[in-house]
PDB file of N, CA and C in Angstrom:
ATOM      1  N   MET A   1       0.853  -1.180   0.000  1.00  0.00           N
ATOM      2  CA  MET A   1       0.000   0.000   0.000  1.00  0.00           C
ATOM      3  C   MET A   1       0.898   1.242   0.000  1.00  0.00           C
ATOM      4  N   PRO A   2       0.621   2.221  -0.862  1.00  0.00           N
ATOM      5  CA  PRO A   2       1.463   3.414  -0.918  1.00  0.00           C
ATOM      6  C   PRO A   2       1.297   4.283   0.311  1.00  0.00           C
ATOM      7  N   ASN A   3       2.361   4.987   0.644  1.00  0.00           N
ATOM      8  CA  ASN A   3       2.299   5.945   1.744  1.00  0.00           C
ATOM      9  C   ASN A   3       1.386   7.097   1.371  1.00  0.00           C
ATOM     10  N   LYS A   4       0.877   7.768   2.412  1.00  0.00           N
ATOM     11  CA  LYS A   4       0.013   8.917   2.154  1.00  0.00           C
ATOM     12  C   LYS A   4       0.714   9.970   1.306  1.00  0.00           C
ATOM     13  N   GLY A   5       2.001  10.165   1.542  1.00  0.00           N
ATOM     14  CA  GLY A   5       2.771  11.160   0.808  1.00  0.00           C
ATOM     15  C   GLY A   5       2.903  10.850  -0.675  1.00  0.00           C
ATOM     16  N   GLU A   6       2.727   9.580  -1.066  1.00  0.00           N
ATOM     17  CA  GLU A   6       2.867   9.192  -2.468  1.00  0.00           C
ATOM     18  C   GLU A   6       1.594   9.444  -3.268  1.00  0.00           C
ATOM     19  N   ARG A   7       0.473   9.489  -2.632  1.00  0.00           N
ATOM     20  CA  ARG A   7      -0.789   9.643  -3.353  1.00  0.00           C
ATOM     21  C   ARG A   7      -0.882  10.943  -4.148  1.00  0.00           C
ATOM     22  N   PRO A   8      -0.539  12.083  -3.557  1.00  0.00           N
ATOM     23  CA  PRO A   8      -0.600  13.308  -4.366  1.00  0.00           C
ATOM     24  C   PRO A   8       0.313  13.239  -5.586  1.00  0.00           C
ATOM     25  N   ASN A   9       1.486  12.618  -5.445  1.00  0.00           N
ATOM     26  CA  ASN A   9       2.388  12.489  -6.578  1.00  0.00           C
ATOM     27  C   ASN A   9       1.770  11.629  -7.673  1.00  0.00           C
ATOM     28  N   GLN A  10       1.155  10.527  -7.283  1.00  0.00           N
ATOM     29  CA  GLN A  10       0.503   9.640  -8.241  1.00  0.00           C
ATOM     30  C   GLN A  10      -0.671  10.346  -8.907  1.00  0.00           C
ATOM     31  N   SER A  11      -1.496  11.022  -8.124  1.00  0.00           N
ATOM     32  CA  SER A  11      -2.647  11.705  -8.714  1.00  0.00           C
ATOM     33  C   SER A  11      -2.199  12.869  -9.589  1.00  0.00           C
ATOM     34  N   GLN A  12      -1.135  13.556  -9.176  1.00  0.00           N
ATOM     35  CA  GLN A  12      -0.612  14.654  -9.992  1.00  0.00           C
ATOM     36  C   GLN A  12      -0.043  14.123 -11.308  1.00  0.00           C
ATOM     37  N   ARG A  13       0.626  12.973 -11.237  1.00  0.00           N
ATOM     38  CA  ARG A  13       1.172  12.369 -12.452  1.00  0.00           C
ATOM     39  C   ARG A  13       0.056  11.987 -13.417  1.00  0.00           C
ATOM     40  N   LEU A  14      -1.010  11.385 -12.882  1.00  0.00           N
ATOM     41  CA  LEU A  14      -2.152  11.023 -13.720  1.00  0.00           C
ATOM     42  C   LEU A  14      -2.821  12.263 -14.308  1.00  0.00           C
ATOM     43  N   ARG A  15      -2.951  13.286 -13.495  1.00  0.00           N
ATOM     44  CA  ARG A  15      -3.562  14.541 -13.949  1.00  0.00           C
ATOM     45  C   ARG A  15      -2.763  15.132 -15.108  1.00  0.00           C
ATOM     46  N   GLN A  16      -1.431  15.129 -14.974  1.00  0.00           N
ATOM     47  CA  GLN A  16      -0.573  15.660 -16.031  1.00  0.00           C
ATOM     48  C   GLN A  16      -0.635  14.775 -17.276  1.00  0.00           C
ATOM     49  N   GLU A  17      -0.713  13.475 -17.073  1.00  0.00           N
ATOM     50  CA  GLU A  17      -0.819  12.547 -18.199  1.00  0.00           C
ATOM     51  C   GLU A  17      -2.121  12.782 -18.963  1.00  0.00           C
ATOM     52  N   VAL A  18      -3.206  12.998 -18.233  1.00  0.00           N
ATOM     53  CA  VAL A  18      -4.493  13.294 -18.878  1.00  0.00           C
ATOM     54  C   VAL A  18      -4.408  14.630 -19.611  1.00  0.00           C
ATOM     55  N   ALA A  19      -3.785  15.627 -18.997  1.00  0.00           N
ATOM     56  CA  ALA A  19      -3.638  16.938 -19.643  1.00  0.00           C
ATOM     57  C   ALA A  19      -2.837  16.819 -20.929  1.00  0.00           C
ATOM     58  N   ALA A  20      -1.747  16.050 -20.901  1.00  0.00           N
ATOM     59  CA  ALA A  20      -0.916  15.876 -22.095  1.00  0.00           C
ATOM     60  C   ALA A  20      -1.678  15.144 -23.191  1.00  0.00           C
ATOM     61  N   GLU A  21      -2.429  14.120 -22.822  1.00  0.00           N
ATOM     62  CA  GLU A  21      -3.211  13.376 -23.816  1.00  0.00           C
ATOM     63  C   GLU A  21      -4.340  14.241 -24.367  1.00  0.00           C
ATOM     64  N   ALA A  22      -4.989  15.020 -23.516  1.00  0.00           N
ATOM     65  CA  ALA A  22      -6.046  15.928 -23.982  1.00  0.00           C
ATOM     66  C   ALA A  22      -5.468  16.962 -24.945  1.00  0.00           C
ATOM     67  N   ALA A  23      -4.282  17.465 -24.644  1.00  0.00           N
ATOM     68  CA  ALA A  23      -3.622  18.426 -25.537  1.00  0.00           C
ATOM     69  C   ALA A  23      -3.324  17.784 -26.881  1.00  0.00           C
ATOM     70  N   ARG A  24      -2.875  16.539 -26.859  1.00  0.00           N
ATOM     71  CA  ARG A  24      -2.602  15.832 -28.111  1.00  0.00           C
ATOM     72  C   ARG A  24      -3.887  15.648 -28.916  1.00  0.00           C
ATOM     73  N   ILE A  25      -4.979  15.347 -28.234  1.00  0.00           N
ATOM     74  CA  ILE A  25      -6.275  15.191 -28.900  1.00  0.00           C
ATOM     75  C   ILE A  25      -6.694  16.505 -29.550  1.00  0.00           C
ATOM     76  N   VAL A  26      -6.534  17.599 -28.826  1.00  0.00           N
ATOM     77  CA  VAL A  26      -6.879  18.919 -29.367  1.00  0.00           C
ATOM     78  C   VAL A  26      -6.015  19.221 -30.588  1.00  0.00           C
ATOM     79  N   ALA A  27      -4.720  18.935 -30.490  1.00  0.00           N
ATOM     80  CA  ALA A  27      -3.782  19.266 -31.564  1.00  0.00           C
ATOM     81  C   ALA A  27      -3.940  18.383 -32.793  1.00  0.00           C
ATOM     82  N   THR A  28      -4.180  17.102 -32.598  1.00  0.00           N
ATOM     83  CA  THR A  28      -4.159  16.178 -33.733  1.00  0.00           C
ATOM     84  C   THR A  28      -5.527  15.757 -34.241  1.00  0.00           C
ATOM     85  N   GLU A  29      -6.539  15.815 -33.389  1.00  0.00           N
ATOM     86  CA  GLU A  29      -7.861  15.350 -33.793  1.00  0.00           C
ATOM     87  C   GLU A  29      -8.836  16.493 -34.029  1.00  0.00           C
ATOM     88  N   GLY A  30      -8.390  17.711 -33.790  1.00  0.00           N
ATOM     89  CA  GLY A  30      -9.237  18.871 -34.048  1.00  0.00           C
ATOM     90  C   GLY A  30     -10.348  19.077 -33.032  1.00  0.00           C
ATOM     91  N   GLN A  31     -10.280  18.406 -31.915  1.00  0.00           N
ATOM     92  CA  GLN A  31     -11.304  18.574 -30.874  1.00  0.00           C
ATOM     93  C   GLN A  31     -11.125  19.943 -30.223  1.00  0.00           C
ATOM     94  N   ARG A  32     -12.144  20.782 -30.297  1.00  0.00           N
ATOM     95  CA  ARG A  32     -12.061  22.128 -29.732  1.00  0.00           C
ATOM     96  C   ARG A  32     -12.674  22.209 -28.336  1.00  0.00           C
ATOM     97  N   ASN A  33     -13.471  21.236 -27.988  1.00  0.00           N
ATOM     98  CA  ASN A  33     -14.137  21.220 -26.694  1.00  0.00           C
ATOM     99  C   ASN A  33     -13.214  20.548 -25.674  1.00  0.00           C
ATOM    100  N   TYR A  34     -12.682  21.341 -24.757  1.00  0.00           N
ATOM    101  CA  TYR A  34     -11.729  20.812 -23.783  1.00  0.00           C
ATOM    102  C   TYR A  34     -12.358  19.764 -22.874  1.00  0.00           C
ATOM    103  N   ARG A  35     -13.619  19.920 -22.526  1.00  0.00           N
ATOM    104  CA  ARG A  35     -14.272  18.939 -21.651  1.00  0.00           C
ATOM    105  C   ARG A  35     -14.300  17.570 -22.324  1.00  0.00           C
ATOM    106  N   LEU A  36     -14.665  17.551 -23.608  1.00  0.00           N
ATOM    107  CA  LEU A  36     -14.695  16.279 -24.328  1.00  0.00           C
ATOM    108  C   LEU A  36     -13.290  15.706 -24.499  1.00  0.00           C
ATOM    109  N   ALA A  37     -12.322  16.578 -24.747  1.00  0.00           N
ATOM    110  CA  ALA A  37     -10.930  16.119 -24.873  1.00  0.00           C
ATOM    111  C   ALA A  37     -10.445  15.525 -23.553  1.00  0.00           C
ATOM    112  N   LYS A  38     -10.802  16.159 -22.433  1.00  0.00           N
ATOM    113  CA  LYS A  38     -10.414  15.642 -21.110  1.00  0.00           C
ATOM    114  C   LYS A  38     -11.020  14.263 -20.871  1.00  0.00           C
ATOM    115  N   GLU A  39     -12.307  14.126 -21.176  1.00  0.00           N
ATOM    116  CA  GLU A  39     -12.986  12.860 -20.935  1.00  0.00           C
ATOM    117  C   GLU A  39     -12.401  11.747 -21.800  1.00  0.00           C
ATOM    118  N   LYS A  40     -12.128  12.066 -23.061  1.00  0.00           N
ATOM    119  CA  LYS A  40     -11.536  11.083 -23.964  1.00  0.00           C
ATOM    120  C   LYS A  40     -10.134  10.702 -23.487  1.00  0.00           C
ATOM    121  N   ALA A  41      -9.368  11.691 -23.074  1.00  0.00           N
ATOM    122  CA  ALA A  41      -8.012  11.447 -22.580  1.00  0.00           C
ATOM    123  C   ALA A  41      -8.042  10.606 -21.308  1.00  0.00           C
ATOM    124  N   ALA A  42      -8.954  10.920 -20.408  1.00  0.00           N
ATOM    125  CA  ALA A  42      -9.064  10.164 -19.157  1.00  0.00           C
ATOM    126  C   ALA A  42      -9.382   8.701 -19.443  1.00  0.00           C
ATOM    127  N   ALA A  43     -10.272   8.459 -20.391  1.00  0.00           N
ATOM    128  CA  ALA A  43     -10.610   7.085 -20.754  1.00  0.00           C
ATOM    129  C   ALA A  43      -9.395   6.363 -21.331  1.00  0.00           C
ATOM    130  N   ARG A  44      -8.628   7.044 -22.163  1.00  0.00           N
ATOM    131  CA  ARG A  44      -7.436   6.433 -22.761  1.00  0.00           C
ATOM    132  C   ARG A  44      -6.369   6.117 -21.714  1.00  0.00           C
ATOM    133  N   VAL A  45      -6.266   6.974 -20.714  1.00  0.00           N
ATOM    134  CA  VAL A  45      -5.264   6.795 -19.661  1.00  0.00           C
ATOM    135  C   VAL A  45      -5.741   5.784 -18.620  1.00  0.00           C
ATOM    136  N   GLY A  46      -7.044   5.519 -18.602  1.00  0.00           N
ATOM    137  CA  GLY A  46      -7.599   4.568 -17.659  1.00  0.00           C
ATOM    138  C   GLY A  46      -8.112   5.194 -16.382  1.00  0.00           C
ATOM    139  N   LEU A  47      -8.367   6.489 -16.422  1.00  0.00           N
ATOM    140  CA  LEU A  47      -8.886   7.213 -15.265  1.00  0.00           C
ATOM    141  C   LEU A  47     -10.400   7.260 -15.378  1.00  0.00           C
ATOM    142  N   SER A  48     -11.094   6.807 -14.343  1.00  0.00           N
ATOM    143  CA  SER A  48     -12.552   6.823 -14.386  1.00  0.00           C
ATOM    144  C   SER A  48     -13.087   7.979 -13.556  1.00  0.00           C
ATOM    145  N   GLY A  49     -14.223   8.472 -13.932  1.00  0.00           N
ATOM    146  CA  GLY A  49     -14.844   9.579 -13.218  1.00  0.00           C
ATOM    147  C   GLY A  49     -14.254  10.915 -13.614  1.00  0.00           C
ATOM    148  N   ARG A  50     -14.863  11.955 -13.094  1.00  0.00           N
ATOM    149  CA  ARG A  50     -14.430  13.309 -13.447  1.00  0.00           C
ATOM    150  C   ARG A  50     -13.471  13.911 -12.432  1.00  0.00           C
ATOM    151  N   SER A  51     -13.374  13.307 -11.272  1.00  0.00           N
ATOM    152  CA  SER A  51     -12.481  13.876 -10.264  1.00  0.00           C
ATOM    153  C   SER A  51     -11.035  13.685 -10.705  1.00  0.00           C
ATOM    154  N   GLY A  52     -10.247  14.690 -10.457  1.00  0.00           N
ATOM    155  CA  GLY A  52      -8.847  14.619 -10.830  1.00  0.00           C
ATOM    156  C   GLY A  52      -8.541  15.029 -12.246  1.00  0.00           C
ATOM    157  N   LEU A  53      -9.557  15.477 -12.981  1.00  0.00           N
ATOM    158  CA  LEU A  53      -9.294  15.928 -14.343  1.00  0.00           C
ATOM    159  C   LEU A  53      -8.565  17.266 -14.311  1.00  0.00           C
ATOM    160  N   PRO A  54      -7.691  17.502 -15.276  1.00  0.00           N
ATOM    161  CA  PRO A  54      -6.942  18.759 -15.300  1.00  0.00           C
ATOM    162  C   PRO A  54      -7.829  19.940 -15.671  1.00  0.00           C
ATOM    163  N   SER A  55      -7.374  21.121 -15.313  1.00  0.00           N
ATOM    164  CA  SER A  55      -8.097  22.339 -15.681  1.00  0.00           C
ATOM    165  C   SER A  55      -7.808  22.675 -17.141  1.00  0.00           C
ATOM    166  N   ASN A  56      -8.604  23.570 -17.696  1.00  0.00           N
ATOM    167  CA  ASN A  56      -8.369  24.016 -19.066  1.00  0.00           C
ATOM    168  C   ASN A  56      -7.003  24.675 -19.203  1.00  0.00           C
ATOM    169  N   SER A  57      -6.590  25.414 -18.185  1.00  0.00           N
ATOM    170  CA  SER A  57      -5.281  26.074 -18.261  1.00  0.00           C
ATOM    171  C   SER A  57      -4.144  25.052 -18.264  1.00  0.00           C
ATOM    172  N   GLU A  58      -4.318  23.935 -17.576  1.00  0.00           N
ATOM    173  CA  GLU A  58      -3.303  22.877 -17.616  1.00  0.00           C
ATOM    174  C   GLU A  58      -3.218  22.262 -19.008  1.00  0.00           C
ATOM    175  N   ILE A  59      -4.367  22.110 -19.652  1.00  0.00           N
ATOM    176  CA  ILE A  59      -4.380  21.576 -21.015  1.00  0.00           C
ATOM    177  C   ILE A  59      -3.739  22.575 -21.972  1.00  0.00           C
ATOM    178  N   GLU A  60      -4.035  23.852 -21.802  1.00  0.00           N
ATOM    179  CA  GLU A  60      -3.432  24.874 -22.662  1.00  0.00           C
ATOM    180  C   GLU A  60      -1.913  24.868 -22.537  1.00  0.00           C
ATOM    181  N   LEU A  61      -1.414  24.710 -21.323  1.00  0.00           N
ATOM    182  CA  LEU A  61       0.032  24.646 -21.110  1.00  0.00           C
ATOM    183  C   LEU A  61       0.629  23.440 -21.830  1.00  0.00           C
ATOM    184  N   GLU A  62      -0.011  22.290 -21.684  1.00  0.00           N
ATOM    185  CA  GLU A  62       0.466  21.083 -22.362  1.00  0.00           C
ATOM    186  C   GLU A  62       0.339  21.219 -23.879  1.00  0.00           C
ATOM    187  N   LEU A  63      -0.703  21.905 -24.345  1.00  0.00           N
ATOM    188  CA  LEU A  63      -0.878  22.122 -25.781  1.00  0.00           C
ATOM    189  C   LEU A  63       0.259  22.972 -26.334  1.00  0.00           C
ATOM    190  N   LYS A  64       0.645  24.000 -25.608  1.00  0.00           N
ATOM    191  CA  LYS A  64       1.782  24.834 -26.036  1.00  0.00           C
ATOM    192  C   LYS A  64       3.066  24.015 -26.067  1.00  0.00           C
ATOM    193  N   ARG A  65       3.254  23.158 -25.082  1.00  0.00           N
ATOM    194  CA  ARG A  65       4.433  22.283 -25.068  1.00  0.00           C
ATOM    195  C   ARG A  65       4.418  21.341 -26.271  1.00  0.00           C
ATOM    196  N   TYR A  66       3.248  20.763 -26.536  1.00  0.00           N
ATOM    197  CA  TYR A  66       3.107  19.836 -27.664  1.00  0.00           C
ATOM    198  C   TYR A  66       3.413  20.549 -28.976  1.00  0.00           C
ATOM    199  N   GLN A  67       2.840  21.729 -29.145  1.00  0.00           N
ATOM    200  CA  GLN A  67       3.053  22.476 -30.380  1.00  0.00           C
ATOM    201  C   GLN A  67       4.508  22.893 -30.537  1.00  0.00           C
ATOM    202  N   ALA A  68       5.151  23.260 -29.452  1.00  0.00           N
ATOM    203  CA  ALA A  68       6.567  23.631 -29.519  1.00  0.00           C
ATOM    204  C   ALA A  68       7.425  22.420 -29.888  1.00  0.00           C
ATOM    205  N   MET A  69       7.052  21.256 -29.348  1.00  0.00           N
ATOM    206  CA  MET A  69       7.829  20.054 -29.600  1.00  0.00           C
ATOM    207  C   MET A  69       7.619  19.527 -31.018  1.00  0.00           C
ATOM    208  N   TYR A  70       6.369  19.490 -31.468  1.00  0.00           N
ATOM    209  CA  TYR A  70       6.065  18.862 -32.744  1.00  0.00           C
ATOM    210  C   TYR A  70       5.810  19.851 -33.877  1.00  0.00           C
ATOM    211  N   GLY A  71       5.521  21.097 -33.546  1.00  0.00           N
ATOM    212  CA  GLY A  71       5.258  22.087 -34.581  1.00  0.00           C
ATOM    213  C   GLY A  71       6.456  22.953 -34.878  1.00  0.00           C
ATOM    214  N   GLY A  72       7.207  23.259 -33.830  1.00  0.00           N
ATOM    215  CA  GLY A  72       8.421  24.048 -33.963  1.00  0.00           C
ATOM    216  C   GLY A  72       8.232  25.329 -34.751  1.00  0.00           C
ATOM    217  N   ASN A  73       9.150  25.593 -35.653  1.00  0.00           N
ATOM    218  CA  ASN A  73       9.118  26.813 -36.457  1.00  0.00           C
ATOM    219  C   ASN A  73       7.893  26.880 -37.356  1.00  0.00           C
ATOM    220  N   GLU A  74       7.455  25.728 -37.847  1.00  0.00           N
ATOM    221  CA  GLU A  74       6.273  25.697 -38.717  1.00  0.00           C
ATOM    222  C   GLU A  74       5.052  26.238 -37.973  1.00  0.00           C
ATOM    223  N   HIS A  75       4.892  25.833 -36.729  1.00  0.00           N
ATOM    224  CA  HIS A  75       3.759  26.314 -35.933  1.00  0.00           C
ATOM    225  C   HIS A  75       3.865  27.813 -35.704  1.00  0.00           C
ATOM    226  N   ALA A  76       5.055  28.278 -35.371  1.00  0.00           N
ATOM    227  CA  ALA A  76       5.257  29.713 -35.124  1.00  0.00           C
ATOM    228  C   ALA A  76       4.974  30.526 -36.379  1.00  0.00           C
ATOM    229  N   THR A  77       5.409  30.033 -37.526  1.00  0.00           N
ATOM    230  CA  THR A  77       5.161  30.727 -38.795  1.00  0.00           C
ATOM    231  C   THR A  77       3.672  30.748 -39.115  1.00  0.00           C
ATOM    232  N   ARG A  78       3.015  29.614 -38.933  1.00  0.00           N
ATOM    233  CA  ARG A  78       1.573  29.542 -39.204  1.00  0.00           C
ATOM    234  C   ARG A  78       0.800  30.467 -38.273  1.00  0.00           C
ATOM    235  N   LEU A  79       1.187  30.502 -37.016  1.00  0.00           N
ATOM    236  CA  LEU A  79       0.532  31.373 -36.044  1.00  0.00           C
ATOM    237  C   LEU A  79       0.709  32.840 -36.430  1.00  0.00           C
ATOM    238  N   ALA A  80       1.904  33.214 -36.858  1.00  0.00           N
ATOM    239  CA  ALA A  80       2.154  34.595 -37.294  1.00  0.00           C
ATOM    240  C   ALA A  80       1.292  34.942 -38.506  1.00  0.00           C
ATOM    241  N   ASP A  81       1.161  34.001 -39.444  1.00  0.00           N
ATOM    242  CA  ASP A  81       0.313  34.224 -40.621  1.00  0.00           C
ATOM    243  C   ASP A  81      -1.150  34.402 -40.222  1.00  0.00           C
ATOM    244  N   LEU A  82      -1.615  33.566 -39.302  1.00  0.00           N
ATOM    245  CA  LEU A  82      -3.000  33.672 -38.839  1.00  0.00           C
ATOM    246  C   LEU A  82      -3.239  34.996 -38.124  1.00  0.00           C
ATOM    247  N   ARG A  83      -2.274  35.431 -37.350  1.00  0.00           N
ATOM    248  CA  ARG A  83      -2.413  36.712 -36.646  1.00  0.00           C
ATOM    249  C   ARG A  83      -2.429  37.885 -37.621  1.00  0.00           C
ATOM    250  N   GLN A  84      -1.639  37.807 -38.679  1.00  0.00           N
ATOM    251  CA  GLN A  84      -1.657  38.864 -39.696  1.00  0.00           C
ATOM    252  C   GLN A  84      -3.012  38.903 -40.404  1.00  0.00           C
ATOM    253  N   ALA A  85      -3.557  37.733 -40.722  1.00  0.00           N
ATOM    254  CA  ALA A  85      -4.873  37.667 -41.355  1.00  0.00           C
ATOM    255  C   ALA A  85      -5.946  38.209 -40.413  1.00  0.00           C
ATOM    256  N   ALA A  86      -5.841  37.873 -39.142  1.00  0.00           N
ATOM    257  CA  ALA A  86      -6.803  38.377 -38.157  1.00  0.00           C
ATOM    258  C   ALA A  86      -6.709  39.889 -38.036  1.00  0.00           C
ATOM    259  N   LEU A  87      -5.497  40.412 -38.045  1.00  0.00           N
ATOM    260  CA  LEU A  87      -5.307  41.860 -37.959  1.00  0.00           C
ATOM    261  C   LEU A  87      -5.934  42.563 -39.158  1.00  0.00           C
ATOM    262  N   ALA A  88      -5.749  42.007 -40.347  1.00  0.00           N
ATOM    263  CA  ALA A  88      -6.347  42.592 -41.552  1.00  0.00           C
ATOM    264  C   ALA A  88      -7.874  42.582 -41.453  1.00  0.00           C
ATOM    265  N   ALA A  89      -8.433  41.472 -40.983  1.00  0.00           N
ATOM    266  CA  ALA A  89      -9.890  41.381 -40.837  1.00  0.00           C
ATOM    267  C   ALA A  89     -10.392  42.367 -39.788  1.00  0.00           C
ATOM    268  N   MET A  90      -9.653  42.506 -38.697  1.00  0.00           N
ATOM    269  CA  MET A  90     -10.064  43.434 -37.639  1.00  0.00           C
ATOM    270  C   MET A  90     -10.005  44.879 -38.128  1.00  0.00           C
ATOM    271  N   LYS A  91      -9.028  45.198 -38.951  1.00  0.00           N
ATOM    272  CA  LYS A  91      -8.957  46.548 -39.522  1.00  0.00           C
ATOM    273  C   LYS A  91     -10.140  46.790 -40.450  1.00  0.00           C
ATOM    274  N   PHE A  92     -10.484  45.786 -41.248  1.00  0.00           N
ATOM    275  CA  PHE A  92     -11.612  45.907 -42.167  1.00  0.00           C
ATOM    276  C   PHE A  92     -12.918  46.143 -41.402  1.00  0.00           C
ATOM    277  N   PHE A  93     -13.082  45.454 -40.285  1.00  0.00           N
ATOM    278  CA  PHE A  93     -14.307  45.549 -39.487  1.00  0.00           C
ATOM    279  C   PHE A  93     -14.152  46.490 -38.287  1.00  0.00           C
ATOM    280  N   HIS A  94     -13.239  47.436 -38.366  1.00  0.00           N
ATOM    281  CA  HIS A  94     -12.914  48.298 -37.224  1.00  0.00           C
ATOM    282  C   HIS A  94     -14.130  49.013 -36.633  1.00  0.00           C
ATOM    283  N   ARG A  95     -15.121  49.329 -37.462  1.00  0.00           N
ATOM    284  CA  ARG A  95     -16.313  50.020 -36.943  1.00  0.00           C
ATOM    285  C   ARG A  95     -17.083  49.168 -35.940  1.00  0.00           C
ATOM    286  N   PHE A  96     -16.902  47.868 -36.010  1.00  0.00           N
ATOM    287  CA  PHE A  96     -17.603  46.955 -35.102  1.00  0.00           C
ATOM    288  C   PHE A  96     -16.789  46.648 -33.847  1.00  0.00           C
ATOM    289  N   ARG A  97     -15.612  47.248 -33.756  1.00  0.00           N
ATOM    290  CA  ARG A  97     -14.711  47.087 -32.611  1.00  0.00           C
ATOM    291  C   ARG A  97     -14.429  45.608 -32.295  1.00  0.00           C
ATOM    292  N   PRO A  98     -13.909  44.867 -33.262  1.00  0.00           N
ATOM    293  CA  PRO A  98     -13.650  43.430 -33.056  1.00  0.00           C
ATOM    294  C   PRO A  98     -12.539  43.186 -32.040  1.00  0.00           C
ATOM    295  N   ARG A  99     -12.577  42.019 -31.451  1.00  0.00           N
ATOM    296  CA  ARG A  99     -11.561  41.590 -30.491  1.00  0.00           C
ATOM    297  C   ARG A  99     -11.050  40.216 -30.916  1.00  0.00           C
ATOM    298  N   LEU A 100      -9.770  40.025 -30.783  1.00  0.00           N
ATOM    299  CA  LEU A 100      -9.173  38.738 -31.110  1.00  0.00           C
ATOM    300  C   LEU A 100      -9.301  37.807 -29.905  1.00  0.00           C
ATOM    301  N   VAL A 101      -9.818  36.619 -30.137  1.00  0.00           N
ATOM    302  CA  VAL A 101      -9.980  35.614 -29.082  1.00  0.00           C
ATOM    303  C   VAL A 101      -9.607  34.243 -29.646  1.00  0.00           C
ATOM    304  N   GLY A 102      -9.481  33.289 -28.777  1.00  0.00           N
ATOM    305  CA  GLY A 102      -9.293  31.915 -29.207  1.00  0.00           C
ATOM    306  C   GLY A 102      -7.855  31.522 -29.484  1.00  0.00           C
ATOM    307  N   PRO A 103      -7.681  30.438 -30.233  1.00  0.00           N
ATOM    308  CA  PRO A 103      -6.356  29.862 -30.448  1.00  0.00           C
ATOM    309  C   PRO A 103      -5.343  30.798 -31.109  1.00  0.00           C
ATOM    310  N   VAL A 104      -5.793  31.662 -32.000  1.00  0.00           N
ATOM    311  CA  VAL A 104      -4.851  32.575 -32.654  1.00  0.00           C
ATOM    312  C   VAL A 104      -4.284  33.559 -31.633  1.00  0.00           C
ATOM    313  N   LEU A 105      -5.090  33.985 -30.700  1.00  0.00           N
ATOM    314  CA  LEU A 105      -4.618  34.871 -29.636  1.00  0.00           C
ATOM    315  C   LEU A 105      -3.729  34.114 -28.647  1.00  0.00           C
ATOM    316  N   GLU A 106      -4.176  32.933 -28.260  1.00  0.00           N
ATOM    317  CA  GLU A 106      -3.509  32.178 -27.202  1.00  0.00           C
ATOM    318  C   GLU A 106      -2.250  31.466 -27.659  1.00  0.00           C
ATOM    319  N   GLY A 107      -2.130  31.266 -28.953  1.00  0.00           N
ATOM    320  CA  GLY A 107      -0.908  30.650 -29.480  1.00  0.00           C
ATOM    321  C   GLY A 107      -0.985  29.172 -29.544  1.00  0.00           C
TER     322      GLY A 107
END
């Protein structure tokens, strides 16, 4: 039986594993709904129930790590292109006072 001190480490490891898998699902499968990505990731990792699931910010952090690892310069270039396109669209619609949100803003 594990010591009490080991349980948080084990649960934290599982939480991070679910976050990393959810990030991979978002990046490779096009899943935009973080809740669904978390649930799918938890099932793949073998975690049952909703307790211990990572927060959206934990998934975003893992997603940035994943993109840096597997996207590298290509991801950075694509993101810059998307931001330039968004800026052009925002200038065109300036009378409506648009705001940039979502993945292009968050990186």
